[in-house]
């Protein structure tokens, strides 16, 4: 079983903002999920379909496609969209955090980065058969995706993400130990 790292506690509430990510910023979806935000994208959707999807579900559309930004529902404000400046996924994440004011800490690691569904608390005893022995021996808690079955914990991957967020967003105490 593939694993990913886990940080922070699962929040009692969920973020109000949801995202629709254009294929030209697809890796941004994974990073938003690290922060606990609902982020979806479908590479099969053309510009018209993306705008309709964002409007129908009330999602904030993230794109590097200037043509999308010129579509009538976006220009009129019926559909919210942000034009992403950088090609770098980390800079994209920083821009989204700054432009939207989302909290990069409150919901961190509460959503599966692959499936985009909320994670469930589980015990390390329940995860012991699939997580590395070191994780089972050293971590305080673990979560599991109810869809794909992956387990998440506070490990080295989350520590690297935390250091980046601290350096580029100016937030402190991203990693709660």
C-alpha atoms as a PDB file:
ATOM      1  CA  UNK A   1       0.000   0.000   0.000  1.00  0.00           C
ATOM      2  CA  UNK A   2       1.301   3.425  -0.905  1.00  0.00           C
ATOM      3  CA  UNK A   3       1.474   5.820   1.994  1.00  0.00           C
ATOM      4  CA  UNK A   4       1.679   9.534   2.526  1.00  0.00           C
ATOM      5  CA  UNK A   5       2.509  11.641   5.508  1.00  0.00           C
ATOM      6  CA  UNK A   6       0.034  13.063   7.989  1.00  0.00           C
ATOM      7  CA  UNK A   7       0.067  16.289   9.936  1.00  0.00           C
ATOM      8  CA  UNK A   8      -2.402  18.187  12.091  1.00  0.00           C
ATOM      9  CA  UNK A   9      -5.687  17.035  13.531  1.00  0.00           C
ATOM     10  CA  UNK A  10      -8.796  16.555  11.444  1.00  0.00           C
ATOM     11  CA  UNK A  11     -10.948  19.663  11.927  1.00  0.00           C
ATOM     12  CA  UNK A  12     -14.524  19.540  13.141  1.00  0.00           C
ATOM     13  CA  UNK A  13     -15.676  21.722  10.241  1.00  0.00           C
ATOM     14  CA  UNK A  14     -14.815  21.841   6.563  1.00  0.00           C
ATOM     15  CA  UNK A  15     -13.553  24.745   4.452  1.00  0.00           C
ATOM     16  CA  UNK A  16     -16.215  26.850   2.755  1.00  0.00           C
ATOM     17  CA  UNK A  17     -14.238  27.431  -0.445  1.00  0.00           C
ATOM     18  CA  UNK A  18     -13.904  24.671  -3.047  1.00  0.00           C
ATOM     19  CA  UNK A  19     -11.740  24.720  -6.145  1.00  0.00           C
ATOM     20  CA  UNK A  20     -11.893  23.610  -9.770  1.00  0.00           C
ATOM     21  CA  UNK A  21      -8.409  23.302 -11.216  1.00  0.00           C
ATOM     22  CA  UNK A  22      -7.774  23.627 -14.949  1.00  0.00           C
ATOM     23  CA  UNK A  23      -5.442  21.020 -16.459  1.00  0.00           C
ATOM     24  CA  UNK A  24      -2.746  23.684 -16.948  1.00  0.00           C
ATOM     25  CA  UNK A  25      -2.408  23.945 -13.146  1.00  0.00           C
ATOM     26  CA  UNK A  26      -3.346  20.337 -12.340  1.00  0.00           C
ATOM     27  CA  UNK A  27      -0.637  19.740  -9.725  1.00  0.00           C
ATOM     28  CA  UNK A  28      -2.039  22.646  -7.735  1.00  0.00           C
ATOM     29  CA  UNK A  29      -5.022  20.448  -6.828  1.00  0.00           C
ATOM     30  CA  UNK A  30      -2.802  18.048  -4.858  1.00  0.00           C
ATOM     31  CA  UNK A  31      -1.211  20.890  -2.935  1.00  0.00           C
ATOM     32  CA  UNK A  32      -4.597  22.388  -2.084  1.00  0.00           C
ATOM     33  CA  UNK A  33      -5.675  18.969  -0.828  1.00  0.00           C
ATOM     34  CA  UNK A  34      -2.595  18.899   1.431  1.00  0.00           C
ATOM     35  CA  UNK A  35      -4.048  22.014   3.001  1.00  0.00           C
ATOM     36  CA  UNK A  36      -7.407  20.258   3.366  1.00  0.00           C
ATOM     37  CA  UNK A  37      -9.290  22.002   0.561  1.00  0.00           C
ATOM     38  CA  UNK A  38     -11.652  20.302  -1.872  1.00  0.00           C
ATOM     39  CA  UNK A  39      -9.939  20.632  -5.272  1.00  0.00           C
ATOM     40  CA  UNK A  40     -11.061  18.818  -8.404  1.00  0.00           C
ATOM     41  CA  UNK A  41     -10.191  18.912 -12.071  1.00  0.00           C
ATOM     42  CA  UNK A  42     -11.014  16.949 -15.195  1.00  0.00           C
ATOM     43  CA  UNK A  43      -8.602  17.159 -18.149  1.00  0.00           C
ATOM     44  CA  UNK A  44     -11.444  16.157 -20.480  1.00  0.00           C
ATOM     45  CA  UNK A  45     -13.346  19.384 -19.812  1.00  0.00           C
ATOM     46  CA  UNK A  46     -12.882  22.146 -22.376  1.00  0.00           C
ATOM     47  CA  UNK A  47     -13.036  25.823 -21.414  1.00  0.00           C
ATOM     48  CA  UNK A  48     -16.823  26.075 -21.732  1.00  0.00           C
ATOM     49  CA  UNK A  49     -17.325  22.932 -19.638  1.00  0.00           C
ATOM     50  CA  UNK A  50     -14.908  24.178 -16.959  1.00  0.00           C
ATOM     51  CA  UNK A  51     -16.734  27.477 -16.588  1.00  0.00           C
ATOM     52  CA  UNK A  52     -20.110  25.710 -16.457  1.00  0.00           C
ATOM     53  CA  UNK A  53     -18.761  23.205 -13.891  1.00  0.00           C
ATOM     54  CA  UNK A  54     -17.403  26.004 -11.680  1.00  0.00           C
ATOM     55  CA  UNK A  55     -20.697  27.892 -11.892  1.00  0.00           C
ATOM     56  CA  UNK A  56     -22.872  24.845 -11.261  1.00  0.00           C
ATOM     57  CA  UNK A  57     -20.937  23.779  -8.142  1.00  0.00           C
ATOM     58  CA  UNK A  58     -19.926  27.242  -6.918  1.00  0.00           C
ATOM     59  CA  UNK A  59     -16.256  26.374  -7.203  1.00  0.00           C
ATOM     60  CA  UNK A  60     -13.447  28.878  -7.591  1.00  0.00           C
ATOM     61  CA  UNK A  61     -11.828  28.180 -10.968  1.00  0.00           C
ATOM     62  CA  UNK A  62      -8.021  28.282 -11.053  1.00  0.00           C
ATOM     63  CA  UNK A  63      -6.375  28.568 -14.465  1.00  0.00           C
ATOM     64  CA  UNK A  64      -3.459  29.854 -16.525  1.00  0.00           C
ATOM     65  CA  UNK A  65      -5.714  30.072 -19.587  1.00  0.00           C
ATOM     66  CA  UNK A  66      -6.367  33.733 -20.418  1.00  0.00           C
ATOM     67  CA  UNK A  67      -9.234  32.700 -22.696  1.00  0.00           C
ATOM     68  CA  UNK A  68     -11.173  31.356 -19.717  1.00  0.00           C
ATOM     69  CA  UNK A  69     -10.720  34.682 -17.956  1.00  0.00           C
ATOM     70  CA  UNK A  70     -12.430  36.390 -20.932  1.00  0.00           C
ATOM     71  CA  UNK A  71     -15.538  34.194 -20.922  1.00  0.00           C
ATOM     72  CA  UNK A  72     -18.742  36.088 -20.152  1.00  0.00           C
ATOM     73  CA  UNK A  73     -19.647  34.270 -16.877  1.00  0.00           C
ATOM     74  CA  UNK A  74     -16.157  34.984 -15.525  1.00  0.00           C
ATOM     75  CA  UNK A  75     -16.017  38.616 -16.675  1.00  0.00           C
ATOM     76  CA  UNK A  76     -19.516  39.278 -15.264  1.00  0.00           C
ATOM     77  CA  UNK A  77     -18.624  37.696 -11.922  1.00  0.00           C
ATOM     78  CA  UNK A  78     -21.171  34.884 -12.197  1.00  0.00           C
ATOM     79  CA  UNK A  79     -18.259  32.445 -12.042  1.00  0.00           C
ATOM     80  CA  UNK A  80     -15.317  33.180  -9.787  1.00  0.00           C
ATOM     81  CA  UNK A  81     -11.897  32.553 -11.319  1.00  0.00           C
ATOM     82  CA  UNK A  82      -8.284  33.373 -10.573  1.00  0.00           C
ATOM     83  CA  UNK A  83      -5.656  33.598 -13.274  1.00  0.00           C
ATOM     84  CA  UNK A  84      -2.537  31.880 -11.920  1.00  0.00           C
ATOM     85  CA  UNK A  85       0.692  33.748 -12.703  1.00  0.00           C
ATOM     86  CA  UNK A  86       3.409  31.134 -12.292  1.00  0.00           C
ATOM     87  CA  UNK A  87       4.153  27.764 -13.859  1.00  0.00           C
ATOM     88  CA  UNK A  88       5.662  26.602 -10.549  1.00  0.00           C
ATOM     89  CA  UNK A  89       3.108  24.649  -8.450  1.00  0.00           C
ATOM     90  CA  UNK A  90       4.505  25.933  -5.148  1.00  0.00           C
ATOM     91  CA  UNK A  91       4.285  29.551  -6.293  1.00  0.00           C
ATOM     92  CA  UNK A  92       0.784  28.807  -7.536  1.00  0.00           C
ATOM     93  CA  UNK A  93      -0.173  27.598  -4.064  1.00  0.00           C
ATOM     94  CA  UNK A  94       1.287  30.720  -2.463  1.00  0.00           C
ATOM     95  CA  UNK A  95      -0.707  32.895  -4.893  1.00  0.00           C
ATOM     96  CA  UNK A  96      -3.964  31.045  -4.148  1.00  0.00           C
ATOM     97  CA  UNK A  97      -3.433  31.357  -0.394  1.00  0.00           C
ATOM     98  CA  UNK A  98      -2.705  35.075  -0.707  1.00  0.00           C
ATOM     99  CA  UNK A  99      -5.450  35.844  -3.253  1.00  0.00           C
ATOM    100  CA  UNK A 100      -8.196  33.930  -1.445  1.00  0.00           C
ATOM    101  CA  UNK A 101      -7.172  34.363   2.168  1.00  0.00           C
ATOM    102  CA  UNK A 102      -7.619  30.645   2.848  1.00  0.00           C
ATOM    103  CA  UNK A 103      -6.068  29.351   6.034  1.00  0.00           C
ATOM    104  CA  UNK A 104      -3.106  27.078   5.227  1.00  0.00           C
ATOM    105  CA  UNK A 105      -3.153  25.556   8.720  1.00  0.00           C
ATOM    106  CA  UNK A 106      -6.718  25.047   9.890  1.00  0.00           C
ATOM    107  CA  UNK A 107      -7.635  22.089   7.666  1.00  0.00           C
ATOM    108  CA  UNK A 108      -4.162  20.774   6.764  1.00  0.00           C
ATOM    109  CA  UNK A 109      -3.982  17.051   6.040  1.00  0.00           C
ATOM    110  CA  UNK A 110      -7.670  16.396   6.486  1.00  0.00           C
ATOM    111  CA  UNK A 111      -8.303  15.278   2.883  1.00  0.00           C
ATOM    112  CA  UNK A 112      -6.869  12.463   0.762  1.00  0.00           C
ATOM    113  CA  UNK A 113      -4.453  13.964  -1.748  1.00  0.00           C
ATOM    114  CA  UNK A 114      -5.360  11.288  -4.294  1.00  0.00           C
ATOM    115  CA  UNK A 115      -9.133  10.849  -3.856  1.00  0.00           C
ATOM    116  CA  UNK A 116     -10.076  14.286  -2.503  1.00  0.00           C
ATOM    117  CA  UNK A 117     -12.309  12.821   0.208  1.00  0.00           C
ATOM    118  CA  UNK A 118     -12.128  13.685   3.921  1.00  0.00           C
ATOM    119  CA  UNK A 119      -9.859  11.402   5.928  1.00  0.00           C
ATOM    120  CA  UNK A 120     -11.057   9.381   8.909  1.00  0.00           C
ATOM    121  CA  UNK A 121      -9.249   8.980  12.195  1.00  0.00           C
ATOM    122  CA  UNK A 122      -7.950   5.495  12.837  1.00  0.00           C
ATOM    123  CA  UNK A 123      -5.665   3.883  15.360  1.00  0.00           C
ATOM    124  CA  UNK A 124      -2.088   2.933  14.716  1.00  0.00           C
ATOM    125  CA  UNK A 125      -3.017  -0.535  15.898  1.00  0.00           C
ATOM    126  CA  UNK A 126      -5.475  -0.792  12.988  1.00  0.00           C
ATOM    127  CA  UNK A 127      -2.844   0.525  10.587  1.00  0.00           C
ATOM    128  CA  UNK A 128       0.053  -1.545  11.949  1.00  0.00           C
ATOM    129  CA  UNK A 129      -0.269  -4.227   9.276  1.00  0.00           C
ATOM    130  CA  UNK A 130       0.227  -1.757   6.418  1.00  0.00           C
ATOM    131  CA  UNK A 131       2.370   1.110   7.723  1.00  0.00           C
ATOM    132  CA  UNK A 132       6.130   0.763   8.224  1.00  0.00           C
ATOM    133  CA  UNK A 133       7.102  -0.553  11.679  1.00  0.00           C
ATOM    134  CA  UNK A 134       8.911   2.702  12.486  1.00  0.00           C
ATOM    135  CA  UNK A 135       5.698   4.653  11.887  1.00  0.00           C
ATOM    136  CA  UNK A 136       3.670   2.313  14.079  1.00  0.00           C
ATOM    137  CA  UNK A 137       6.281   2.672  16.837  1.00  0.00           C
ATOM    138  CA  UNK A 138       6.799   6.439  16.692  1.00  0.00           C
ATOM    139  CA  UNK A 139       3.633   8.207  15.566  1.00  0.00           C
ATOM    140  CA  UNK A 140       0.861   9.326  17.875  1.00  0.00           C
ATOM    141  CA  UNK A 141      -2.020   8.928  15.438  1.00  0.00           C
ATOM    142  CA  UNK A 142      -2.933   8.037  11.900  1.00  0.00           C
ATOM    143  CA  UNK A 143      -5.751   8.692   9.437  1.00  0.00           C
ATOM    144  CA  UNK A 144      -7.148   6.625   6.587  1.00  0.00           C
ATOM    145  CA  UNK A 145      -8.885   7.429   3.336  1.00  0.00           C
ATOM    146  CA  UNK A 146     -12.259   5.650   3.280  1.00  0.00           C
ATOM    147  CA  UNK A 147     -12.143   5.573  -0.527  1.00  0.00           C
ATOM    148  CA  UNK A 148      -8.674   4.291  -1.474  1.00  0.00           C
ATOM    149  CA  UNK A 149      -7.596   2.864   1.901  1.00  0.00           C
ATOM    150  CA  UNK A 150      -4.320   4.830   2.084  1.00  0.00           C
ATOM    151  CA  UNK A 151      -2.985   5.717   5.527  1.00  0.00           C
ATOM    152  CA  UNK A 152      -1.557   9.108   6.418  1.00  0.00           C
ATOM    153  CA  UNK A 153       0.629  10.246   9.310  1.00  0.00           C
ATOM    154  CA  UNK A 154       3.009  13.017  10.333  1.00  0.00           C
ATOM    155  CA  UNK A 155       6.182  12.003   8.544  1.00  0.00           C
ATOM    156  CA  UNK A 156       9.089  13.355   6.574  1.00  0.00           C
ATOM    157  CA  UNK A 157       6.998  14.325   3.564  1.00  0.00           C
ATOM    158  CA  UNK A 158       4.723  16.529   5.645  1.00  0.00           C
ATOM    159  CA  UNK A 159       7.750  18.013   7.387  1.00  0.00           C
ATOM    160  CA  UNK A 160       9.147  19.086   3.988  1.00  0.00           C
ATOM    161  CA  UNK A 161       5.785  20.565   2.987  1.00  0.00           C
ATOM    162  CA  UNK A 162       5.605  22.370   6.333  1.00  0.00           C
ATOM    163  CA  UNK A 163       9.057  23.895   5.915  1.00  0.00           C
ATOM    164  CA  UNK A 164       8.109  25.154   2.469  1.00  0.00           C
ATOM    165  CA  UNK A 165       4.849  26.659   3.707  1.00  0.00           C
ATOM    166  CA  UNK A 166       6.602  28.325   6.603  1.00  0.00           C
ATOM    167  CA  UNK A 167       9.253  29.791   4.289  1.00  0.00           C
ATOM    168  CA  UNK A 168       6.922  30.980   1.539  1.00  0.00           C
ATOM    169  CA  UNK A 169       3.716  31.861   3.358  1.00  0.00           C
ATOM    170  CA  UNK A 170       5.261  33.269   6.496  1.00  0.00           C
ATOM    171  CA  UNK A 171       3.173  31.000   8.695  1.00  0.00           C
ATOM    172  CA  UNK A 172       4.577  29.502  11.848  1.00  0.00           C
ATOM    173  CA  UNK A 173       3.911  26.161  13.509  1.00  0.00           C
ATOM    174  CA  UNK A 174       2.626  24.468  10.400  1.00  0.00           C
ATOM    175  CA  UNK A 175       3.858  21.151  11.709  1.00  0.00           C
ATOM    176  CA  UNK A 176       2.315  20.337  15.040  1.00  0.00           C
ATOM    177  CA  UNK A 177       4.404  17.840  16.895  1.00  0.00           C
END
